[in-house]
């Protein structure tokens, strides 16, 4: 079984550095271009099944990526981005003025943080991993699944597969429309083949780094 785990394209709030969480912010023109580039890269890849977060930026990215195959797309709310609660819509500088201790903890010990009126990383994993299990159910050894989700969702899933604690999730990046390729006989025996591959739209070491997570 092969798994293509992608992140959505850029949104206006990504570009501005705003925490968006579960706010349903659409792709920007740049994000649409990134998603089209992802689709061109995947054009010859035989995809058996495709599942996305229901948030518009992830769903739109999946539709652009699938092109004429978009009819196969389904959504699963378990793949939604972490709920940032009262941080949503704010810049990091605004959060630093209102909630500095929690913001500092999010940057240093993210696994210990519960978002104000929102979620923790464990909450995200507890819904995202079952969503991934649902998505792979019934797939065979030669099948390929496309999953389009979000930064925090991808990070906790990848941490679990890699066997590293959630406190280390800042040790790798998830660029807009990045690809993470995983392969294995079952969802519990996956290996990471590629991590944060965004070469379809950005040169080596040149990807945008979004700080609002």
C-alpha atoms as a PDB file:
ATOM      1  CA  UNK A   1       0.000   0.000   0.000  1.00  0.00           C
ATOM      2  CA  UNK A   2       1.253   3.458  -0.928  1.00  0.00           C
ATOM      3  CA  UNK A   3       0.177   6.643   0.840  1.00  0.00           C
ATOM      4  CA  UNK A   4       0.608  10.167  -0.519  1.00  0.00           C
ATOM      5  CA  UNK A   5       0.115  12.532   2.422  1.00  0.00           C
ATOM      6  CA  UNK A   6      -0.123  16.125   1.212  1.00  0.00           C
ATOM      7  CA  UNK A   7      -0.703  19.488   2.808  1.00  0.00           C
ATOM      8  CA  UNK A   8      -3.067  22.091   1.349  1.00  0.00           C
ATOM      9  CA  UNK A   9      -1.803  25.048  -0.682  1.00  0.00           C
ATOM     10  CA  UNK A  10      -1.161  28.520   0.625  1.00  0.00           C
ATOM     11  CA  UNK A  11      -4.021  30.708   1.873  1.00  0.00           C
ATOM     12  CA  UNK A  12      -4.079  34.483   2.436  1.00  0.00           C
ATOM     13  CA  UNK A  13      -3.828  33.879   6.160  1.00  0.00           C
ATOM     14  CA  UNK A  14      -0.767  31.648   5.668  1.00  0.00           C
ATOM     15  CA  UNK A  15       0.893  34.444   3.736  1.00  0.00           C
ATOM     16  CA  UNK A  16       0.006  36.981   6.455  1.00  0.00           C
ATOM     17  CA  UNK A  17       1.124  34.688   9.273  1.00  0.00           C
ATOM     18  CA  UNK A  18      -2.329  34.359  10.846  1.00  0.00           C
ATOM     19  CA  UNK A  19      -3.302  31.309  12.871  1.00  0.00           C
ATOM     20  CA  UNK A  20      -6.210  29.784  10.954  1.00  0.00           C
ATOM     21  CA  UNK A  21      -6.876  26.418  12.604  1.00  0.00           C
ATOM     22  CA  UNK A  22     -10.418  25.338  11.737  1.00  0.00           C
ATOM     23  CA  UNK A  23     -11.430  28.696  10.237  1.00  0.00           C
ATOM     24  CA  UNK A  24     -12.434  27.846   6.681  1.00  0.00           C
ATOM     25  CA  UNK A  25     -10.027  30.021   4.701  1.00  0.00           C
ATOM     26  CA  UNK A  26      -9.838  29.328   0.932  1.00  0.00           C
ATOM     27  CA  UNK A  27      -6.715  29.005  -1.169  1.00  0.00           C
ATOM     28  CA  UNK A  28      -5.049  32.155  -2.427  1.00  0.00           C
ATOM     29  CA  UNK A  29      -4.118  32.475  -6.121  1.00  0.00           C
ATOM     30  CA  UNK A  30      -0.635  31.338  -5.111  1.00  0.00           C
ATOM     31  CA  UNK A  31      -2.129  28.329  -3.331  1.00  0.00           C
ATOM     32  CA  UNK A  32      -4.212  27.450  -6.363  1.00  0.00           C
ATOM     33  CA  UNK A  33      -1.074  27.528  -8.483  1.00  0.00           C
ATOM     34  CA  UNK A  34       0.703  25.253  -6.018  1.00  0.00           C
ATOM     35  CA  UNK A  35      -2.240  22.829  -6.091  1.00  0.00           C
ATOM     36  CA  UNK A  36      -2.258  22.805  -9.901  1.00  0.00           C
ATOM     37  CA  UNK A  37       1.469  22.055  -9.851  1.00  0.00           C
ATOM     38  CA  UNK A  38       0.770  19.180  -7.464  1.00  0.00           C
ATOM     39  CA  UNK A  39      -1.855  17.898  -9.879  1.00  0.00           C
ATOM     40  CA  UNK A  40       0.588  18.009 -12.762  1.00  0.00           C
ATOM     41  CA  UNK A  41       3.109  16.053 -10.709  1.00  0.00           C
ATOM     42  CA  UNK A  42       0.517  13.411  -9.825  1.00  0.00           C
ATOM     43  CA  UNK A  43      -1.079  13.293 -13.283  1.00  0.00           C
ATOM     44  CA  UNK A  44       0.481   9.935 -14.219  1.00  0.00           C
ATOM     45  CA  UNK A  45       0.274   8.429 -10.725  1.00  0.00           C
ATOM     46  CA  UNK A  46      -2.485   5.781 -10.452  1.00  0.00           C
ATOM     47  CA  UNK A  47      -4.513   6.868  -7.408  1.00  0.00           C
ATOM     48  CA  UNK A  48      -6.987   4.333  -6.039  1.00  0.00           C
ATOM     49  CA  UNK A  49      -8.680   6.490  -3.421  1.00  0.00           C
ATOM     50  CA  UNK A  50      -8.550  10.104  -2.252  1.00  0.00           C
ATOM     51  CA  UNK A  51      -9.632  11.598   1.083  1.00  0.00           C
ATOM     52  CA  UNK A  52      -9.311  15.176   2.303  1.00  0.00           C
ATOM     53  CA  UNK A  53     -10.150  17.363   5.246  1.00  0.00           C
ATOM     54  CA  UNK A  54     -13.539  19.027   4.657  1.00  0.00           C
ATOM     55  CA  UNK A  55     -12.018  22.485   5.143  1.00  0.00           C
ATOM     56  CA  UNK A  56     -12.081  24.312   1.820  1.00  0.00           C
ATOM     57  CA  UNK A  57      -8.328  24.806   1.460  1.00  0.00           C
ATOM     58  CA  UNK A  58      -7.663  21.059   1.743  1.00  0.00           C
ATOM     59  CA  UNK A  59     -10.649  20.015  -0.352  1.00  0.00           C
ATOM     60  CA  UNK A  60      -9.753  22.513  -3.089  1.00  0.00           C
ATOM     61  CA  UNK A  61      -6.156  21.331  -3.107  1.00  0.00           C
ATOM     62  CA  UNK A  62      -7.284  17.729  -3.498  1.00  0.00           C
ATOM     63  CA  UNK A  63      -9.631  18.665  -6.339  1.00  0.00           C
ATOM     64  CA  UNK A  64      -6.877  20.489  -8.216  1.00  0.00           C
ATOM     65  CA  UNK A  65      -4.483  17.606  -7.552  1.00  0.00           C
ATOM     66  CA  UNK A  66      -6.931  15.016  -8.855  1.00  0.00           C
ATOM     67  CA  UNK A  67      -8.081  16.954 -11.906  1.00  0.00           C
ATOM     68  CA  UNK A  68     -10.474  14.807 -13.933  1.00  0.00           C
ATOM     69  CA  UNK A  69     -10.348  12.185 -11.171  1.00  0.00           C
ATOM     70  CA  UNK A  70     -11.890  14.509  -8.560  1.00  0.00           C
ATOM     71  CA  UNK A  71     -15.143  12.518  -8.462  1.00  0.00           C
ATOM     72  CA  UNK A  72     -13.368   9.914  -6.316  1.00  0.00           C
ATOM     73  CA  UNK A  73     -12.702  12.458  -3.541  1.00  0.00           C
ATOM     74  CA  UNK A  74     -14.339  12.027  -0.141  1.00  0.00           C
ATOM     75  CA  UNK A  75     -13.843  14.040   3.048  1.00  0.00           C
ATOM     76  CA  UNK A  76     -13.343  13.075   6.679  1.00  0.00           C
ATOM     77  CA  UNK A  77     -13.686  15.586   9.554  1.00  0.00           C
ATOM     78  CA  UNK A  78     -11.048  13.657  11.476  1.00  0.00           C
ATOM     79  CA  UNK A  79      -8.483  15.243   9.148  1.00  0.00           C
ATOM     80  CA  UNK A  80      -9.389  18.861  10.039  1.00  0.00           C
ATOM     81  CA  UNK A  81      -6.642  21.164  11.262  1.00  0.00           C
ATOM     82  CA  UNK A  82      -6.019  21.632  14.973  1.00  0.00           C
ATOM     83  CA  UNK A  83      -8.566  23.953  16.563  1.00  0.00           C
ATOM     84  CA  UNK A  84      -6.600  27.000  17.672  1.00  0.00           C
ATOM     85  CA  UNK A  85      -9.619  28.357  19.525  1.00  0.00           C
ATOM     86  CA  UNK A  86      -9.350  32.042  20.375  1.00  0.00           C
ATOM     87  CA  UNK A  87      -6.008  32.293  18.545  1.00  0.00           C
ATOM     88  CA  UNK A  88      -7.664  31.876  15.156  1.00  0.00           C
ATOM     89  CA  UNK A  89      -7.417  34.946  12.964  1.00  0.00           C
ATOM     90  CA  UNK A  90      -4.605  36.464  15.037  1.00  0.00           C
ATOM     91  CA  UNK A  91      -0.988  37.195  14.137  1.00  0.00           C
ATOM     92  CA  UNK A  92       1.744  35.760  16.332  1.00  0.00           C
ATOM     93  CA  UNK A  93       2.533  39.283  17.553  1.00  0.00           C
ATOM     94  CA  UNK A  94      -1.084  39.709  18.683  1.00  0.00           C
ATOM     95  CA  UNK A  95      -1.046  36.350  20.459  1.00  0.00           C
ATOM     96  CA  UNK A  96       2.252  37.246  22.122  1.00  0.00           C
ATOM     97  CA  UNK A  97       0.601  40.337  23.582  1.00  0.00           C
ATOM     98  CA  UNK A  98      -2.423  38.400  24.898  1.00  0.00           C
ATOM     99  CA  UNK A  99      -1.159  34.903  25.723  1.00  0.00           C
ATOM    100  CA  UNK A 100       2.667  35.009  25.794  1.00  0.00           C
ATOM    101  CA  UNK A 101       3.306  32.042  28.093  1.00  0.00           C
ATOM    102  CA  UNK A 102       1.179  29.667  26.043  1.00  0.00           C
ATOM    103  CA  UNK A 103       2.720  30.900  22.795  1.00  0.00           C
ATOM    104  CA  UNK A 104       6.213  30.294  24.147  1.00  0.00           C
ATOM    105  CA  UNK A 105       5.202  26.812  25.301  1.00  0.00           C
ATOM    106  CA  UNK A 106       3.734  26.094  21.844  1.00  0.00           C
ATOM    107  CA  UNK A 107       7.110  26.884  20.317  1.00  0.00           C
ATOM    108  CA  UNK A 108       9.165  24.895  22.833  1.00  0.00           C
ATOM    109  CA  UNK A 109       6.934  22.166  24.318  1.00  0.00           C
ATOM    110  CA  UNK A 110       3.987  21.935  21.895  1.00  0.00           C
ATOM    111  CA  UNK A 111       2.877  18.546  23.225  1.00  0.00           C
ATOM    112  CA  UNK A 112       1.993  20.174  26.552  1.00  0.00           C
ATOM    113  CA  UNK A 113      -0.240  22.908  25.119  1.00  0.00           C
ATOM    114  CA  UNK A 114      -4.030  22.986  25.098  1.00  0.00           C
ATOM    115  CA  UNK A 115      -5.211  25.736  22.791  1.00  0.00           C
ATOM    116  CA  UNK A 116      -7.553  28.273  24.453  1.00  0.00           C
ATOM    117  CA  UNK A 117     -11.037  26.897  23.732  1.00  0.00           C
ATOM    118  CA  UNK A 118      -9.337  24.566  21.279  1.00  0.00           C
ATOM    119  CA  UNK A 119      -7.373  21.319  21.030  1.00  0.00           C
ATOM    120  CA  UNK A 120      -4.065  19.738  21.951  1.00  0.00           C
ATOM    121  CA  UNK A 121      -1.832  17.736  19.618  1.00  0.00           C
ATOM    122  CA  UNK A 122      -3.052  14.557  21.311  1.00  0.00           C
ATOM    123  CA  UNK A 123      -6.633  15.542  20.514  1.00  0.00           C
ATOM    124  CA  UNK A 124      -5.647  15.954  16.859  1.00  0.00           C
ATOM    125  CA  UNK A 125      -3.944  12.580  16.744  1.00  0.00           C
ATOM    126  CA  UNK A 126      -6.849  10.840  18.471  1.00  0.00           C
ATOM    127  CA  UNK A 127      -9.152  11.804  15.595  1.00  0.00           C
ATOM    128  CA  UNK A 128      -6.661  11.899  12.679  1.00  0.00           C
ATOM    129  CA  UNK A 129      -5.212   8.407  13.124  1.00  0.00           C
ATOM    130  CA  UNK A 130      -8.659   6.714  13.059  1.00  0.00           C
ATOM    131  CA  UNK A 131      -9.443   8.830   9.975  1.00  0.00           C
ATOM    132  CA  UNK A 132      -6.328   7.457   8.301  1.00  0.00           C
ATOM    133  CA  UNK A 133      -7.314   3.932   9.309  1.00  0.00           C
ATOM    134  CA  UNK A 134     -10.734   4.464   7.724  1.00  0.00           C
ATOM    135  CA  UNK A 135      -9.119   5.824   4.582  1.00  0.00           C
ATOM    136  CA  UNK A 136      -6.892   2.775   4.034  1.00  0.00           C
ATOM    137  CA  UNK A 137      -9.541   0.200   4.908  1.00  0.00           C
ATOM    138  CA  UNK A 138      -9.812  -2.374   2.148  1.00  0.00           C
ATOM    139  CA  UNK A 139      -6.851  -1.134   0.105  1.00  0.00           C
ATOM    140  CA  UNK A 140      -4.537  -3.741  -1.378  1.00  0.00           C
ATOM    141  CA  UNK A 141      -0.782  -3.996  -1.692  1.00  0.00           C
ATOM    142  CA  UNK A 142      -0.695  -2.244  -5.071  1.00  0.00           C
ATOM    143  CA  UNK A 143      -3.189   0.509  -4.216  1.00  0.00           C
ATOM    144  CA  UNK A 144      -2.352   4.187  -3.700  1.00  0.00           C
ATOM    145  CA  UNK A 145      -4.171   6.537  -1.333  1.00  0.00           C
ATOM    146  CA  UNK A 146      -4.027  10.333  -1.550  1.00  0.00           C
ATOM    147  CA  UNK A 147      -4.711  12.200   1.695  1.00  0.00           C
ATOM    148  CA  UNK A 148      -4.807  16.007   1.723  1.00  0.00           C
ATOM    149  CA  UNK A 149      -4.781  17.501   5.197  1.00  0.00           C
ATOM    150  CA  UNK A 150      -3.049  20.197   7.251  1.00  0.00           C
ATOM    151  CA  UNK A 151       0.227  21.090   8.918  1.00  0.00           C
ATOM    152  CA  UNK A 152      -0.500  19.879  12.457  1.00  0.00           C
ATOM    153  CA  UNK A 153      -2.406  16.815  11.231  1.00  0.00           C
ATOM    154  CA  UNK A 154       0.438  15.732   8.963  1.00  0.00           C
ATOM    155  CA  UNK A 155       2.997  16.352  11.670  1.00  0.00           C
ATOM    156  CA  UNK A 156       1.325  14.213  14.337  1.00  0.00           C
ATOM    157  CA  UNK A 157       0.706  11.391  11.846  1.00  0.00           C
ATOM    158  CA  UNK A 158       4.322  11.489  10.698  1.00  0.00           C
ATOM    159  CA  UNK A 159       5.626  11.652  14.276  1.00  0.00           C
ATOM    160  CA  UNK A 160       3.650   8.511  15.049  1.00  0.00           C
ATOM    161  CA  UNK A 161       4.941   6.644  12.000  1.00  0.00           C
ATOM    162  CA  UNK A 162       8.506   7.760  12.698  1.00  0.00           C
ATOM    163  CA  UNK A 163       8.222   6.840  16.374  1.00  0.00           C
ATOM    164  CA  UNK A 164       9.139  10.275  17.691  1.00  0.00           C
ATOM    165  CA  UNK A 165       7.249  12.219  20.392  1.00  0.00           C
ATOM    166  CA  UNK A 166       4.927  15.066  19.483  1.00  0.00           C
ATOM    167  CA  UNK A 167       7.290  17.420  21.291  1.00  0.00           C
ATOM    168  CA  UNK A 168       9.673  16.982  18.338  1.00  0.00           C
ATOM    169  CA  UNK A 169       7.207  17.947  15.609  1.00  0.00           C
ATOM    170  CA  UNK A 170       9.033  21.206  14.848  1.00  0.00           C
ATOM    171  CA  UNK A 171      12.116  19.228  13.764  1.00  0.00           C
ATOM    172  CA  UNK A 172      10.766  18.865  10.211  1.00  0.00           C
ATOM    173  CA  UNK A 173       8.721  21.081   7.893  1.00  0.00           C
ATOM    174  CA  UNK A 174       5.438  20.802   6.003  1.00  0.00           C
ATOM    175  CA  UNK A 175       5.418  23.259   3.108  1.00  0.00           C
ATOM    176  CA  UNK A 176       2.315  24.176   1.094  1.00  0.00           C
ATOM    177  CA  UNK A 177       1.176  21.225  -1.085  1.00  0.00           C
ATOM    178  CA  UNK A 178       4.168  19.254   0.130  1.00  0.00           C
ATOM    179  CA  UNK A 179       4.222  15.496  -0.459  1.00  0.00           C
ATOM    180  CA  UNK A 180       5.058  12.901   2.154  1.00  0.00           C
ATOM    181  CA  UNK A 181       5.286   9.415   0.665  1.00  0.00           C
ATOM    182  CA  UNK A 182       4.748   6.378   2.862  1.00  0.00           C
ATOM    183  CA  UNK A 183       4.594   2.711   2.008  1.00  0.00           C
ATOM    184  CA  UNK A 184       3.890  -0.512   3.872  1.00  0.00           C
ATOM    185  CA  UNK A 185       1.727  -3.615   4.156  1.00  0.00           C
ATOM    186  CA  UNK A 186      -0.677  -1.937   6.588  1.00  0.00           C
ATOM    187  CA  UNK A 187      -1.319   1.397   8.281  1.00  0.00           C
ATOM    188  CA  UNK A 188       0.536   0.165  11.369  1.00  0.00           C
ATOM    189  CA  UNK A 189       3.630  -0.832   9.376  1.00  0.00           C
ATOM    190  CA  UNK A 190       4.288   2.217   7.242  1.00  0.00           C
ATOM    191  CA  UNK A 191       7.731   3.495   6.308  1.00  0.00           C
ATOM    192  CA  UNK A 192       8.460   7.085   5.285  1.00  0.00           C
ATOM    193  CA  UNK A 193       9.834   7.157   1.744  1.00  0.00           C
ATOM    194  CA  UNK A 194       9.868  10.944   1.223  1.00  0.00           C
ATOM    195  CA  UNK A 195       9.325  13.807   3.664  1.00  0.00           C
ATOM    196  CA  UNK A 196       8.285  17.387   2.825  1.00  0.00           C
ATOM    197  CA  UNK A 197       8.870  17.082  -0.921  1.00  0.00           C
ATOM    198  CA  UNK A 198       7.625  20.279  -2.595  1.00  0.00           C
ATOM    199  CA  UNK A 199       9.911  20.246  -5.636  1.00  0.00           C
ATOM    200  CA  UNK A 200       6.892  20.584  -7.938  1.00  0.00           C
ATOM    201  CA  UNK A 201       6.744  24.298  -7.136  1.00  0.00           C
ATOM    202  CA  UNK A 202       9.833  25.311  -5.158  1.00  0.00           C
ATOM    203  CA  UNK A 203      13.591  24.986  -5.520  1.00  0.00           C
ATOM    204  CA  UNK A 204      15.689  23.053  -3.029  1.00  0.00           C
ATOM    205  CA  UNK A 205      15.682  24.763   0.421  1.00  0.00           C
ATOM    206  CA  UNK A 206      13.419  27.484  -0.959  1.00  0.00           C
ATOM    207  CA  UNK A 207       9.980  26.564   0.354  1.00  0.00           C
ATOM    208  CA  UNK A 208       7.849  29.078   2.179  1.00  0.00           C
ATOM    209  CA  UNK A 209       8.025  28.722   5.960  1.00  0.00           C
ATOM    210  CA  UNK A 210       4.701  29.580   7.571  1.00  0.00           C
ATOM    211  CA  UNK A 211       5.127  30.598  11.181  1.00  0.00           C
ATOM    212  CA  UNK A 212       1.455  30.618  12.171  1.00  0.00           C
ATOM    213  CA  UNK A 213       1.240  27.157  13.659  1.00  0.00           C
END
